[in-house]
C-alpha atoms as a PDB file:
ATOM      1  CA  MET A   1      93.265 122.369  27.251  1.00  0.00           C
ATOM      2  CA  ALA A   2      93.858 125.449  28.832  1.00  0.00           C
ATOM      3  CA  GLU A   3      93.034 127.961  25.467  1.00  0.00           C
ATOM      4  CA  VAL A   4      91.605 131.538  27.194  1.00  0.00           C
ATOM      5  CA  ILE A   5      88.939 133.285  25.254  1.00  0.00           C
ATOM      6  CA  ILE A   6      87.811 136.738  25.875  1.00  0.00           C
ATOM      7  CA  GLN A   7      85.096 137.807  23.804  1.00  0.00           C
ATOM      8  CA  SER A   8      84.134 141.845  24.077  1.00  0.00           C
ATOM      9  CA  VAL A   9      85.064 141.832  27.914  1.00  0.00           C
ATOM     10  CA  THR A  10      84.125 145.522  29.404  1.00  0.00           C
ATOM     11  CA  LYS A  11      84.903 146.235  33.227  1.00  0.00           C
ATOM     12  CA  LYS A  12      82.744 149.298  34.203  1.00  0.00           C
ATOM     13  CA  PHE A  13      83.643 150.789  37.757  1.00  0.00           C
ATOM     14  CA  GLY A  14      80.685 153.383  38.445  1.00  0.00           C
ATOM     15  CA  GLU A  15      80.943 155.109  35.060  1.00  0.00           C
ATOM     16  CA  VAL A  16      84.924 154.481  34.425  1.00  0.00           C
ATOM     17  CA  LYS A  17      85.510 152.104  32.054  1.00  0.00           C
ATOM     18  CA  ALA A  18      88.797 150.098  33.355  1.00  0.00           C
ATOM     19  CA  VAL A  19      88.555 147.627  30.297  1.00  0.00           C
ATOM     20  CA  ASN A  20      87.134 148.619  27.364  1.00  0.00           C
ATOM     21  CA  ASP A  21      85.430 145.932  24.936  1.00  0.00           C
ATOM     22  CA  PHE A  22      88.775 143.522  25.281  1.00  0.00           C
ATOM     23  CA  SER A  23      88.916 140.401  22.973  1.00  0.00           C
ATOM     24  CA  ALA A  24      91.940 137.944  22.644  1.00  0.00           C
ATOM     25  CA  THR A  25      92.588 134.409  22.322  1.00  0.00           C
ATOM     26  CA  ILE A  26      95.287 132.635  24.118  1.00  0.00           C
ATOM     27  CA  ALA A  27      96.230 129.770  22.776  1.00  0.00           C
ATOM     28  CA  ASP A  28      97.031 126.531  24.727  1.00  0.00           C
ATOM     29  CA  GLY A  29     100.256 126.456  25.931  1.00  0.00           C
ATOM     30  CA  GLU A  30     101.408 130.110  24.856  1.00  0.00           C
ATOM     31  CA  PHE A  31     102.798 133.016  26.757  1.00  0.00           C
ATOM     32  CA  VAL A  32     100.765 136.223  26.432  1.00  0.00           C
ATOM     33  CA  SER A  33     101.975 139.340  28.299  1.00  0.00           C
ATOM     34  CA  ILE A  34      99.371 142.551  29.045  1.00  0.00           C
ATOM     35  CA  LEU A  35     101.807 145.198  28.878  1.00  0.00           C
ATOM     36  CA  GLY A  36     100.937 148.956  29.861  1.00  0.00           C
ATOM     37  CA  PRO A  37     100.953 152.107  31.758  1.00  0.00           C
ATOM     38  CA  SER A  38      99.865 151.483  35.614  1.00  0.00           C
ATOM     39  CA  GLY A  39      95.683 152.310  35.211  1.00  0.00           C
ATOM     40  CA  CYS A  40      95.595 150.954  32.139  1.00  0.00           C
ATOM     41  CA  GLY A  41      93.242 148.350  32.898  1.00  0.00           C
ATOM     42  CA  LYS A  42      95.574 144.998  32.222  1.00  0.00           C
ATOM     43  CA  THR A  43      95.259 143.964  36.068  1.00  0.00           C
ATOM     44  CA  THR A  44      91.505 144.477  36.037  1.00  0.00           C
ATOM     45  CA  MET A  45      91.547 141.780  32.895  1.00  0.00           C
ATOM     46  CA  LEU A  46      93.781 139.372  34.493  1.00  0.00           C
ATOM     47  CA  ARG A  47      91.281 139.508  37.871  1.00  0.00           C
ATOM     48  CA  MET A  48      88.776 139.064  35.572  1.00  0.00           C
ATOM     49  CA  VAL A  49      90.046 135.931  34.251  1.00  0.00           C
ATOM     50  CA  ALA A  50      91.213 134.337  37.793  1.00  0.00           C
ATOM     51  CA  GLY A  51      87.386 135.750  39.171  1.00  0.00           C
ATOM     52  CA  PHE A  52      88.216 138.266  41.406  1.00  0.00           C
ATOM     53  CA  GLU A  53      86.050 140.562  39.526  1.00  0.00           C
ATOM     54  CA  ARG A  54      83.122 139.995  37.287  1.00  0.00           C
ATOM     55  CA  PRO A  55      82.811 141.519  33.657  1.00  0.00           C
ATOM     56  CA  THR A  56      80.456 144.031  33.542  1.00  0.00           C
ATOM     57  CA  GLU A  57      79.767 142.634  29.494  1.00  0.00           C
ATOM     58  CA  GLY A  58      81.703 139.936  27.429  1.00  0.00           C
ATOM     59  CA  ASP A  59      82.315 136.430  28.523  1.00  0.00           C
ATOM     60  CA  ILE A  60      85.809 134.352  29.269  1.00  0.00           C
ATOM     61  CA  TYR A  61      85.939 130.989  28.460  1.00  0.00           C
ATOM     62  CA  ILE A  62      88.660 128.588  30.001  1.00  0.00           C
ATOM     63  CA  GLY A  63      88.920 125.687  27.495  1.00  0.00           C
ATOM     64  CA  ASP A  64      85.305 125.042  26.111  1.00  0.00           C
ATOM     65  CA  LYS A  65      84.008 126.032  29.242  1.00  0.00           C
ATOM     66  CA  LEU A  66      82.450 129.664  30.211  1.00  0.00           C
ATOM     67  CA  ILE A  67      83.682 130.755  33.247  1.00  0.00           C
ATOM     68  CA  SER A  68      82.258 134.376  33.445  1.00  0.00           C
ATOM     69  CA  SER A  69      80.099 136.311  31.587  1.00  0.00           C
ATOM     70  CA  GLY A  70      78.257 139.501  31.888  1.00  0.00           C
ATOM     71  CA  GLN A  71      75.406 138.910  29.865  1.00  0.00           C
ATOM     72  CA  ASN A  72      73.964 135.867  31.943  1.00  0.00           C
ATOM     73  CA  GLY A  73      75.613 135.863  35.170  1.00  0.00           C
ATOM     74  CA  THR A  74      77.262 132.974  34.535  1.00  0.00           C
ATOM     75  CA  PHE A  75      80.346 132.698  37.321  1.00  0.00           C
ATOM     76  CA  LEU A  76      82.766 130.071  38.240  1.00  0.00           C
ATOM     77  CA  PRO A  77      84.609 130.604  41.493  1.00  0.00           C
ATOM     78  CA  PRO A  78      88.469 131.348  41.602  1.00  0.00           C
ATOM     79  CA  GLU A  79      88.818 127.802  43.433  1.00  0.00           C
ATOM     80  CA  LYS A  80      87.270 125.944  40.816  1.00  0.00           C
ATOM     81  CA  ARG A  81      88.761 127.397  37.984  1.00  0.00           C
ATOM     82  CA  ASN A  82      92.213 125.429  38.318  1.00  0.00           C
ATOM     83  CA  ILE A  83      94.490 128.233  37.870  1.00  0.00           C
ATOM     84  CA  GLY A  84      97.290 129.607  39.675  1.00  0.00           C
ATOM     85  CA  MET A  85      98.304 132.683  40.304  1.00  0.00           C
ATOM     86  CA  VAL A  86     101.527 134.868  41.656  1.00  0.00           C
ATOM     87  CA  PHE A  87     101.179 138.329  42.803  1.00  0.00           C
ATOM     88  CA  GLN A  88     103.396 140.857  42.885  1.00  0.00           C
ATOM     89  CA  SER A  89     103.409 141.353  46.888  1.00  0.00           C
ATOM     90  CA  TYR A  90     104.513 137.305  46.921  1.00  0.00           C
ATOM     91  CA  ALA A  91     102.039 136.902  49.661  1.00  0.00           C
ATOM     92  CA  VAL A  92     103.941 134.315  51.255  1.00  0.00           C
ATOM     93  CA  TRP A  93     102.758 133.524  54.948  1.00  0.00           C
ATOM     94  CA  PRO A  94     105.172 134.803  57.418  1.00  0.00           C
ATOM     95  CA  HIS A  95     103.865 131.649  60.338  1.00  0.00           C
ATOM     96  CA  MET A  96     104.449 129.075  57.936  1.00  0.00           C
ATOM     97  CA  THR A  97     108.095 127.287  56.523  1.00  0.00           C
ATOM     98  CA  VAL A  98     108.024 127.259  52.807  1.00  0.00           C
ATOM     99  CA  PHE A  99     106.951 123.612  52.434  1.00  0.00           C
ATOM    100  CA  GLN A 100     103.934 124.725  54.252  1.00  0.00           C
ATOM    101  CA  ASN A 101     103.625 127.426  52.283  1.00  0.00           C
ATOM    102  CA  ILE A 102     103.818 125.722  49.036  1.00  0.00           C
ATOM    103  CA  ALA A 103     101.544 122.836  50.466  1.00  0.00           C
ATOM    104  CA  TYR A 104      99.051 124.640  51.504  1.00  0.00           C
ATOM    105  CA  PRO A 105      96.659 124.695  48.105  1.00  0.00           C
ATOM    106  CA  LEU A 106      97.189 120.563  48.379  1.00  0.00           C
ATOM    107  CA  LYS A 107      95.927 120.570  52.116  1.00  0.00           C
ATOM    108  CA  ILE A 108      92.539 122.809  51.079  1.00  0.00           C
ATOM    109  CA  GLN A 109      92.140 120.494  48.671  1.00  0.00           C
ATOM    110  CA  LYS A 110      92.154 117.683  50.801  1.00  0.00           C
ATOM    111  CA  VAL A 111      95.540 115.833  49.213  1.00  0.00           C
ATOM    112  CA  SER A 112      96.821 112.876  50.673  1.00  0.00           C
ATOM    113  CA  LYS A 113      99.714 113.358  52.767  1.00  0.00           C
ATOM    114  CA  ALA A 114     101.951 111.068  51.156  1.00  0.00           C
ATOM    115  CA  GLU A 115     100.986 112.811  47.773  1.00  0.00           C
ATOM    116  CA  MET A 116     101.261 116.197  49.123  1.00  0.00           C
ATOM    117  CA  THR A 117     104.992 115.357  50.332  1.00  0.00           C
ATOM    118  CA  ASP A 118     105.723 114.014  46.849  1.00  0.00           C
ATOM    119  CA  ARG A 119     104.203 116.933  44.609  1.00  0.00           C
ATOM    120  CA  THR A 120     105.432 119.702  47.238  1.00  0.00           C
ATOM    121  CA  ASN A 121     109.432 118.075  47.341  1.00  0.00           C
ATOM    122  CA  LYS A 122     108.998 117.886  43.170  1.00  0.00           C
ATOM    123  CA  ALA A 123     108.058 121.989  43.039  1.00  0.00           C
ATOM    124  CA  LEU A 124     110.875 122.190  45.118  1.00  0.00           C
ATOM    125  CA  GLU A 125     113.320 121.074  42.663  1.00  0.00           C
ATOM    126  CA  LEU A 126     111.394 122.634  40.446  1.00  0.00           C
ATOM    127  CA  VAL A 127     112.140 126.368  41.186  1.00  0.00           C
ATOM    128  CA  HIS A 128     115.392 124.871  42.704  1.00  0.00           C
ATOM    129  CA  LEU A 129     114.668 125.715  46.502  1.00  0.00           C
ATOM    130  CA  GLU A 130     115.565 122.004  47.720  1.00  0.00           C
ATOM    131  CA  GLY A 131     116.667 121.425  51.037  1.00  0.00           C
ATOM    132  CA  TYR A 132     114.845 125.006  52.069  1.00  0.00           C
ATOM    133  CA  GLY A 133     111.452 123.094  52.960  1.00  0.00           C
ATOM    134  CA  GLU A 134     111.583 124.145  56.882  1.00  0.00           C
ATOM    135  CA  ARG A 135     113.050 127.308  56.597  1.00  0.00           C
ATOM    136  CA  PHE A 136     110.901 130.326  57.237  1.00  0.00           C
ATOM    137  CA  PRO A 137     110.397 133.452  54.701  1.00  0.00           C
ATOM    138  CA  HIS A 138     112.041 135.695  56.718  1.00  0.00           C
ATOM    139  CA  GLN A 139     114.903 133.695  56.260  1.00  0.00           C
ATOM    140  CA  LEU A 140     114.705 133.512  52.313  1.00  0.00           C
ATOM    141  CA  SER A 141     115.835 136.390  49.960  1.00  0.00           C
ATOM    142  CA  GLY A 142     113.419 138.087  47.842  1.00  0.00           C
ATOM    143  CA  GLY A 143     114.346 135.911  44.975  1.00  0.00           C
ATOM    144  CA  GLN A 144     113.384 132.619  47.315  1.00  0.00           C
ATOM    145  CA  GLN A 145     110.345 134.659  48.168  1.00  0.00           C
ATOM    146  CA  GLN A 146     109.666 134.540  44.744  1.00  0.00           C
ATOM    147  CA  ARG A 147     110.267 130.990  43.863  1.00  0.00           C
ATOM    148  CA  VAL A 148     107.943 129.909  46.667  1.00  0.00           C
ATOM    149  CA  ALA A 149     104.952 131.768  45.769  1.00  0.00           C
ATOM    150  CA  LEU A 150     105.621 130.550  42.110  1.00  0.00           C
ATOM    151  CA  ALA A 151     106.105 126.715  43.499  1.00  0.00           C
ATOM    152  CA  ARG A 152     103.013 127.214  45.305  1.00  0.00           C
ATOM    153  CA  ALA A 153     100.930 128.531  42.283  1.00  0.00           C
ATOM    154  CA  LEU A 154     102.872 125.172  40.238  1.00  0.00           C
ATOM    155  CA  VAL A 155     102.070 122.612  42.942  1.00  0.00           C
ATOM    156  CA  GLY A 156      98.268 122.013  42.264  1.00  0.00           C
ATOM    157  CA  GLU A 157      99.377 121.322  38.492  1.00  0.00           C
ATOM    158  CA  PRO A 158      97.076 123.992  37.359  1.00  0.00           C
ATOM    159  CA  ARG A 159      96.212 124.494  33.507  1.00  0.00           C
ATOM    160  CA  LEU A 160      96.657 127.729  33.427  1.00  0.00           C
ATOM    161  CA  LEU A 161      99.168 130.464  35.077  1.00  0.00           C
ATOM    162  CA  LEU A 162      98.301 133.852  35.810  1.00  0.00           C
ATOM    163  CA  LEU A 163     100.964 136.079  37.101  1.00  0.00           C
ATOM    164  CA  ASP A 164     100.765 140.122  38.233  1.00  0.00           C
ATOM    165  CA  GLU A 165     103.790 141.513  37.989  1.00  0.00           C
ATOM    166  CA  PRO A 166     105.670 139.334  40.204  1.00  0.00           C
ATOM    167  CA  LEU A 167     108.967 141.019  39.532  1.00  0.00           C
ATOM    168  CA  SER A 168     108.938 144.126  40.594  1.00  0.00           C
ATOM    169  CA  ASN A 169     110.024 144.488  44.128  1.00  0.00           C
ATOM    170  CA  LEU A 170     112.928 142.284  42.870  1.00  0.00           C
ATOM    171  CA  ASP A 171     116.384 144.203  42.231  1.00  0.00           C
ATOM    172  CA  ALA A 172     117.448 144.772  38.356  1.00  0.00           C
ATOM    173  CA  LYS A 173     119.628 141.607  38.069  1.00  0.00           C
ATOM    174  CA  LEU A 174     117.883 139.358  39.992  1.00  0.00           C
ATOM    175  CA  ARG A 175     114.860 139.847  37.951  1.00  0.00           C
ATOM    176  CA  GLU A 176     116.496 139.808  34.948  1.00  0.00           C
ATOM    177  CA  SER A 177     117.795 136.181  36.022  1.00  0.00           C
ATOM    178  CA  MET A 178     113.509 135.617  37.467  1.00  0.00           C
ATOM    179  CA  ARG A 179     112.730 136.041  33.855  1.00  0.00           C
ATOM    180  CA  PHE A 180     114.099 133.545  32.180  1.00  0.00           C
ATOM    181  CA  GLU A 181     113.906 131.196  35.174  1.00  0.00           C
ATOM    182  CA  ILE A 182     109.662 131.403  34.579  1.00  0.00           C
ATOM    183  CA  LYS A 183     110.114 131.208  30.665  1.00  0.00           C
ATOM    184  CA  ASP A 184     111.976 127.827  31.250  1.00  0.00           C
ATOM    185  CA  LEU A 185     109.465 126.781  33.683  1.00  0.00           C
ATOM    186  CA  GLN A 186     106.523 127.505  31.338  1.00  0.00           C
ATOM    187  CA  LYS A 187     108.524 125.265  28.493  1.00  0.00           C
ATOM    188  CA  LYS A 188     108.968 122.536  30.894  1.00  0.00           C
ATOM    189  CA  LEU A 189     105.613 122.441  31.823  1.00  0.00           C
ATOM    190  CA  LYS A 190     103.866 123.577  28.646  1.00  0.00           C
ATOM    191  CA  ILE A 191     101.525 125.229  30.813  1.00  0.00           C
ATOM    192  CA  THR A 192      99.279 128.491  29.632  1.00  0.00           C
ATOM    193  CA  VAL A 193     100.633 131.700  30.879  1.00  0.00           C
ATOM    194  CA  ILE A 194      98.698 135.480  31.104  1.00  0.00           C
ATOM    195  CA  TYR A 195     101.552 137.222  32.502  1.00  0.00           C
ATOM    196  CA  VAL A 196     100.676 141.039  33.110  1.00  0.00           C
ATOM    197  CA  THR A 197     103.913 144.149  33.367  1.00  0.00           C
ATOM    198  CA  HIS A 198     104.375 147.209  32.407  1.00  0.00           C
ATOM    199  CA  ASP A 199     107.951 146.631  32.061  1.00  0.00           C
ATOM    200  CA  GLN A 200     108.898 146.459  28.387  1.00  0.00           C
ATOM    201  CA  ALA A 201     111.721 144.412  28.594  1.00  0.00           C
ATOM    202  CA  GLU A 202     110.190 141.278  30.387  1.00  0.00           C
ATOM    203  CA  ALA A 203     107.590 141.470  27.844  1.00  0.00           C
ATOM    204  CA  MET A 204     110.200 141.360  25.522  1.00  0.00           C
ATOM    205  CA  ALA A 205     112.154 138.812  26.224  1.00  0.00           C
ATOM    206  CA  MET A 206     109.258 136.488  27.698  1.00  0.00           C
ATOM    207  CA  SER A 207     106.873 136.756  25.330  1.00  0.00           C
ATOM    208  CA  ASP A 208     105.197 134.356  22.397  1.00  0.00           C
ATOM    209  CA  ARG A 209     102.737 137.266  22.444  1.00  0.00           C
ATOM    210  CA  ILE A 210     102.208 140.543  23.648  1.00  0.00           C
ATOM    211  CA  ILE A 211      98.767 142.801  23.885  1.00  0.00           C
ATOM    212  CA  VAL A 212      99.798 146.333  24.723  1.00  0.00           C
ATOM    213  CA  MET A 213      97.250 148.506  26.621  1.00  0.00           C
ATOM    214  CA  ASN A 214      95.907 152.221  27.083  1.00  0.00           C
ATOM    215  CA  GLN A 215      93.006 153.318  28.697  1.00  0.00           C
ATOM    216  CA  GLY A 216      91.307 150.285  28.858  1.00  0.00           C
ATOM    217  CA  ILE A 217      91.360 149.952  25.326  1.00  0.00           C
ATOM    218  CA  ILE A 218      93.808 147.278  23.494  1.00  0.00           C
ATOM    219  CA  GLN A 219      96.389 148.889  21.625  1.00  0.00           C
ATOM    220  CA  GLN A 220      97.969 145.986  19.640  1.00  0.00           C
ATOM    221  CA  ASN A 221      98.224 142.487  20.001  1.00  0.00           C
ATOM    222  CA  ASP A 222     101.243 140.666  18.085  1.00  0.00           C
ATOM    223  CA  LYS A 223     104.615 139.506  18.095  1.00  0.00           C
ATOM    224  CA  PRO A 224     107.343 141.108  20.296  1.00  0.00           C
ATOM    225  CA  GLN A 225     109.462 141.683  17.170  1.00  0.00           C
ATOM    226  CA  ASN A 226     106.194 143.358  15.264  1.00  0.00           C
ATOM    227  CA  ILE A 227     105.700 145.037  18.079  1.00  0.00           C
ATOM    228  CA  TYR A 228     108.856 146.853  18.070  1.00  0.00           C
ATOM    229  CA  GLU A 229     109.350 147.012  14.427  1.00  0.00           C
ATOM    230  CA  ASN A 230     105.888 148.119  13.319  1.00  0.00           C
ATOM    231  CA  PRO A 231     103.629 149.728  15.862  1.00  0.00           C
ATOM    232  CA  THR A 232     100.297 150.170  14.707  1.00  0.00           C
ATOM    233  CA  ASN A 233     100.032 153.595  16.385  1.00  0.00           C
ATOM    234  CA  LYS A 234     101.893 156.596  18.099  1.00  0.00           C
ATOM    235  CA  ILE A 235     100.751 155.146  21.667  1.00  0.00           C
ATOM    236  CA  VAL A 236     102.655 151.784  21.232  1.00  0.00           C
ATOM    237  CA  ALA A 237     105.659 153.097  19.155  1.00  0.00           C
ATOM    238  CA  ASP A 238     106.351 155.873  22.343  1.00  0.00           C
ATOM    239  CA  PHE A 239     105.644 152.705  25.379  1.00  0.00           C
ATOM    240  CA  ILE A 240     107.804 150.506  23.443  1.00  0.00           C
ATOM    241  CA  GLY A 241     111.361 151.091  23.695  1.00  0.00           C
ATOM    242  CA  LEU A 242     113.012 154.482  23.121  1.00  0.00           C
ATOM    243  CA  VAL A 243     112.310 156.903  20.492  1.00  0.00           C
ATOM    244  CA  ASN A 244     112.361 160.418  18.961  1.00  0.00           C
ATOM    245  CA  PHE A 245     108.961 162.052  17.476  1.00  0.00           C
ATOM    246  CA  LEU A 246     109.288 165.069  15.104  1.00  0.00           C
ATOM    247  CA  PRO A 247     106.424 166.976  13.532  1.00  0.00           C
ATOM    248  CA  ALA A 248     105.809 166.473  10.054  1.00  0.00           C
ATOM    249  CA  GLU A 249     103.634 167.121   6.701  1.00  0.00           C
ATOM    250  CA  ILE A 250     102.704 163.921   4.940  1.00  0.00           C
ATOM    251  CA  THR A 251     102.480 163.365   1.404  1.00  0.00           C
ATOM    252  CA  ALA A 252     102.296 160.851  -1.185  1.00  0.00           C
ATOM    253  CA  GLY A 253     105.806 160.967  -1.927  1.00  0.00           C
ATOM    254  CA  SER A 254     107.433 162.728   0.782  1.00  0.00           C
ATOM    255  CA  ILE A 255     107.771 163.461   4.501  1.00  0.00           C
ATOM    256  CA  GLU A 256     108.597 167.001   5.123  1.00  0.00           C
ATOM    257  CA  MET A 257     109.964 167.759   8.620  1.00  0.00           C
ATOM    258  CA  PRO A 258     110.135 171.419   9.149  1.00  0.00           C
ATOM    259  CA  THR A 259     111.152 171.677  12.881  1.00  0.00           C
ATOM    260  CA  ILE A 260     115.149 169.872  11.615  1.00  0.00           C
ATOM    261  CA  GLY A 261     114.510 171.306   8.560  1.00  0.00           C
ATOM    262  CA  PHE A 262     114.588 167.973   6.188  1.00  0.00           C
ATOM    263  CA  THR A 263     112.838 166.165   3.575  1.00  0.00           C
ATOM    264  CA  LEU A 264     112.331 162.226   2.477  1.00  0.00           C
ATOM    265  CA  ARG A 265     111.208 161.279  -0.189  1.00  0.00           C
ATOM    266  CA  GLN A 266     109.355 158.126  -0.070  1.00  0.00           C
ATOM    267  CA  ALA A 267     106.007 156.644  -0.699  1.00  0.00           C
ATOM    268  CA  ASN A 268     103.377 157.135   2.118  1.00  0.00           C
ATOM    269  CA  SER A 269      99.968 155.570   2.635  1.00  0.00           C
ATOM    270  CA  THR A 270      98.662 158.279   5.042  1.00  0.00           C
ATOM    271  CA  THR A 271      98.940 162.184   4.462  1.00  0.00           C
ATOM    272  CA  GLY A 272      98.281 165.608   6.227  1.00  0.00           C
ATOM    273  CA  LYS A 273      99.933 166.521   9.531  1.00  0.00           C
ATOM    274  CA  GLY A 274     101.949 163.692  11.281  1.00  0.00           C
ATOM    275  CA  LEU A 275     104.139 162.831  13.437  1.00  0.00           C
ATOM    276  CA  VAL A 276     107.609 160.752  12.808  1.00  0.00           C
ATOM    277  CA  ALA A 277     109.145 158.052  14.839  1.00  0.00           C
ATOM    278  CA  VAL A 278     113.017 157.306  14.656  1.00  0.00           C
ATOM    279  CA  ARG A 279     114.642 155.046  17.024  1.00  0.00           C
ATOM    280  CA  PRO A 280     117.329 156.537  18.627  1.00  0.00           C
ATOM    281  CA  GLU A 281     119.352 153.131  17.495  1.00  0.00           C
ATOM    282  CA  HIS A 282     117.961 153.473  13.936  1.00  0.00           C
ATOM    283  CA  ILE A 283     120.221 156.579  13.701  1.00  0.00           C
ATOM    284  CA  THR A 284     123.550 157.435  12.118  1.00  0.00           C
ATOM    285  CA  ILE A 285     126.105 159.306  13.866  1.00  0.00           C
ATOM    286  CA  SER A 286     129.342 160.705  12.035  1.00  0.00           C
ATOM    287  CA  LYS A 287     131.763 163.728  11.984  1.00  0.00           C
ATOM    288  CA  THR A 288     131.765 163.935   8.323  1.00  0.00           C
ATOM    289  CA  GLY A 289     128.774 163.273   6.143  1.00  0.00           C
ATOM    290  CA  SER A 290     126.200 164.850   3.833  1.00  0.00           C
ATOM    291  CA  GLY A 291     123.182 164.259   6.157  1.00  0.00           C
ATOM    292  CA  LEU A 292     121.151 166.178   8.779  1.00  0.00           C
ATOM    293  CA  SER A 293     123.875 168.546  10.967  1.00  0.00           C
ATOM    294  CA  GLY A 294     123.489 169.404  14.330  1.00  0.00           C
ATOM    295  CA  THR A 295     124.979 170.067  17.669  1.00  0.00           C
ATOM    296  CA  LEU A 296     126.665 167.841  20.152  1.00  0.00           C
ATOM    297  CA  LEU A 297     125.444 168.624  23.397  1.00  0.00           C
ATOM    298  CA  HIS A 298     125.868 165.588  25.591  1.00  0.00           C
ATOM    299  CA  LYS A 299     127.146 162.698  25.518  1.00  0.00           C
ATOM    300  CA  PHE A 300     126.466 159.328  28.134  1.00  0.00           C
ATOM    301  CA  TYR A 301     128.762 156.271  28.118  1.00  0.00           C
ATOM    302  CA  LEU A 302     126.750 153.321  29.054  1.00  0.00           C
ATOM    303  CA  GLY A 303     129.314 150.205  28.427  1.00  0.00           C
ATOM    304  CA  ASP A 304     127.987 148.565  25.538  1.00  0.00           C
ATOM    305  CA  SER A 305     126.453 151.802  23.832  1.00  0.00           C
ATOM    306  CA  ILE A 306     127.116 155.922  23.755  1.00  0.00           C
ATOM    307  CA  ASP A 307     123.576 157.750  24.501  1.00  0.00           C
ATOM    308  CA  TYR A 308     124.148 161.180  22.423  1.00  0.00           C
ATOM    309  CA  ARG A 309     122.212 164.070  22.397  1.00  0.00           C
ATOM    310  CA  VAL A 310     121.840 166.304  19.163  1.00  0.00           C
ATOM    311  CA  LYS A 311     120.417 169.513  18.549  1.00  0.00           C
ATOM    312  CA  VAL A 312     119.355 169.936  15.268  1.00  0.00           C
ATOM    313  CA  LYS A 313     117.539 173.464  14.342  1.00  0.00           C
ATOM    314  CA  ASP A 314     114.864 173.655  17.070  1.00  0.00           C
ATOM    315  CA  GLU A 315     114.794 169.686  17.763  1.00  0.00           C
ATOM    316  CA  MET A 316     116.989 167.561  20.625  1.00  0.00           C
ATOM    317  CA  ILE A 317     117.410 164.256  19.095  1.00  0.00           C
ATOM    318  CA  ARG A 318     118.640 161.286  20.858  1.00  0.00           C
ATOM    319  CA  VAL A 319     120.887 158.686  19.251  1.00  0.00           C
ATOM    320  CA  ILE A 320     122.299 155.253  20.456  1.00  0.00           C
ATOM    321  CA  ASP A 321     125.377 154.142  19.029  1.00  0.00           C
ATOM    322  CA  LYS A 322     126.163 149.956  19.520  1.00  0.00           C
ATOM    323  CA  SER A 323     128.639 149.620  16.865  1.00  0.00           C
ATOM    324  CA  GLY A 324     131.436 149.264  19.663  1.00  0.00           C
ATOM    325  CA  SER A 325     133.815 150.961  17.079  1.00  0.00           C
ATOM    326  CA  PHE A 326     133.168 154.364  19.163  1.00  0.00           C
ATOM    327  CA  GLU A 327     134.558 157.864  17.996  1.00  0.00           C
ATOM    328  CA  GLU A 328     135.482 160.717  19.951  1.00  0.00           C
ATOM    329  CA  TYR A 329     133.198 163.460  19.782  1.00  0.00           C
ATOM    330  CA  PRO A 330     133.694 166.754  22.132  1.00  0.00           C
ATOM    331  CA  ASP A 331     130.511 168.382  23.212  1.00  0.00           C
ATOM    332  CA  GLY A 332     130.177 171.399  20.752  1.00  0.00           C
ATOM    333  CA  GLU A 333     131.213 169.505  17.805  1.00  0.00           C
ATOM    334  CA  THR A 334     129.149 169.353  14.417  1.00  0.00           C
ATOM    335  CA  VAL A 335     127.735 165.690  13.589  1.00  0.00           C
ATOM    336  CA  TYR A 336     126.185 164.710  11.210  1.00  0.00           C
ATOM    337  CA  LEU A 337     122.907 162.333  11.147  1.00  0.00           C
ATOM    338  CA  GLU A 338     121.653 159.749   9.090  1.00  0.00           C
ATOM    339  CA  PHE A 339     117.752 158.210   9.840  1.00  0.00           C
ATOM    340  CA  ASN A 340     117.851 154.819   8.424  1.00  0.00           C
ATOM    341  CA  LYS A 341     114.357 153.716   9.946  1.00  0.00           C
ATOM    342  CA  LEU A 342     111.606 155.671  10.543  1.00  0.00           C
ATOM    343  CA  MET A 343     107.758 155.662  10.954  1.00  0.00           C
ATOM    344  CA  ALA A 344     105.198 157.845  10.584  1.00  0.00           C
ATOM    345  CA  PHE A 345     101.936 158.304  12.137  1.00  0.00           C
ATOM    346  CA  PRO A 346      99.023 160.789  11.943  1.00  0.00           C
ATOM    347  CA  GLN A 347      98.990 163.642  14.088  1.00  0.00           C
ATOM    348  CA  SER A 348      96.278 162.531  16.589  1.00  0.00           C
ATOM    349  CA  GLY A 349      98.662 159.150  17.292  1.00  0.00           C
ATOM    350  CA  LYS A 350      95.142 156.465  16.279  1.00  0.00           C
END
């Protein structure tokens, strides 16, 4: 069993809290991404699960075994945690062949030569590198080197796989294909995965659940769809996807947006000064209508969509049309916007 339980974990570097009171449970066989901007504490949290850092406070369990504790000093070394890890830099040894790189963890474990050969060949097949065993890393592409790192992490048959931004050094097209390869492997092996990334598209595409972090604190722990459609605060709404923010005065029965001269009648649980968040794809643009009027300043054709920038009084509003029936809107033309869905947050963003 590879359930991971993280209880009230804090990590301090001097007076700085890199991770602050982090609590989460990753179920056996679940794929969970820790997502956030650079410096938010996500890699530090992963390194504590791996055993490369010790928590200042709190406990970490893998299965029913306490592996690290800030309270009583319990600490199980990384090599005894039965985990596999893939790093951003691949970390494949240039002087070893592909086969030798993948087999190295088994060599350290003193596995017999016959078993080592069998398990290494199976790992090569798993990542579609059959026939590459005698090549050296410099003879491989970036994507192939990443597959070597992945095979090496899996060859020891770990109960938990940790991945620290493993695709960030790949080009966009290869990064996209590798996402699905990793997810397919995870499903096939039924292994528990904790995946650290700052790339929201990776997290949304691959994860059963996403933990969004900012400044060491968990902002939301939820399924990808809920993270996107129902962010708990401004921080999450801003980090996940594209969004327009508009100042607002919120009452129990309406939302007034003075900078665009628009008032929406709806029931609200939050009142006072706030922000309205509207995703660009949740706005309809048209040449005629009774909606909000503005001036089209720029448009950008993106193939599957058109990205519009519309000036409405004091605000620049971004609209993305994915309907496929693109009308011609000359720059400078008056257009009308309709908000199909919006979110309201307190001014503080909390």
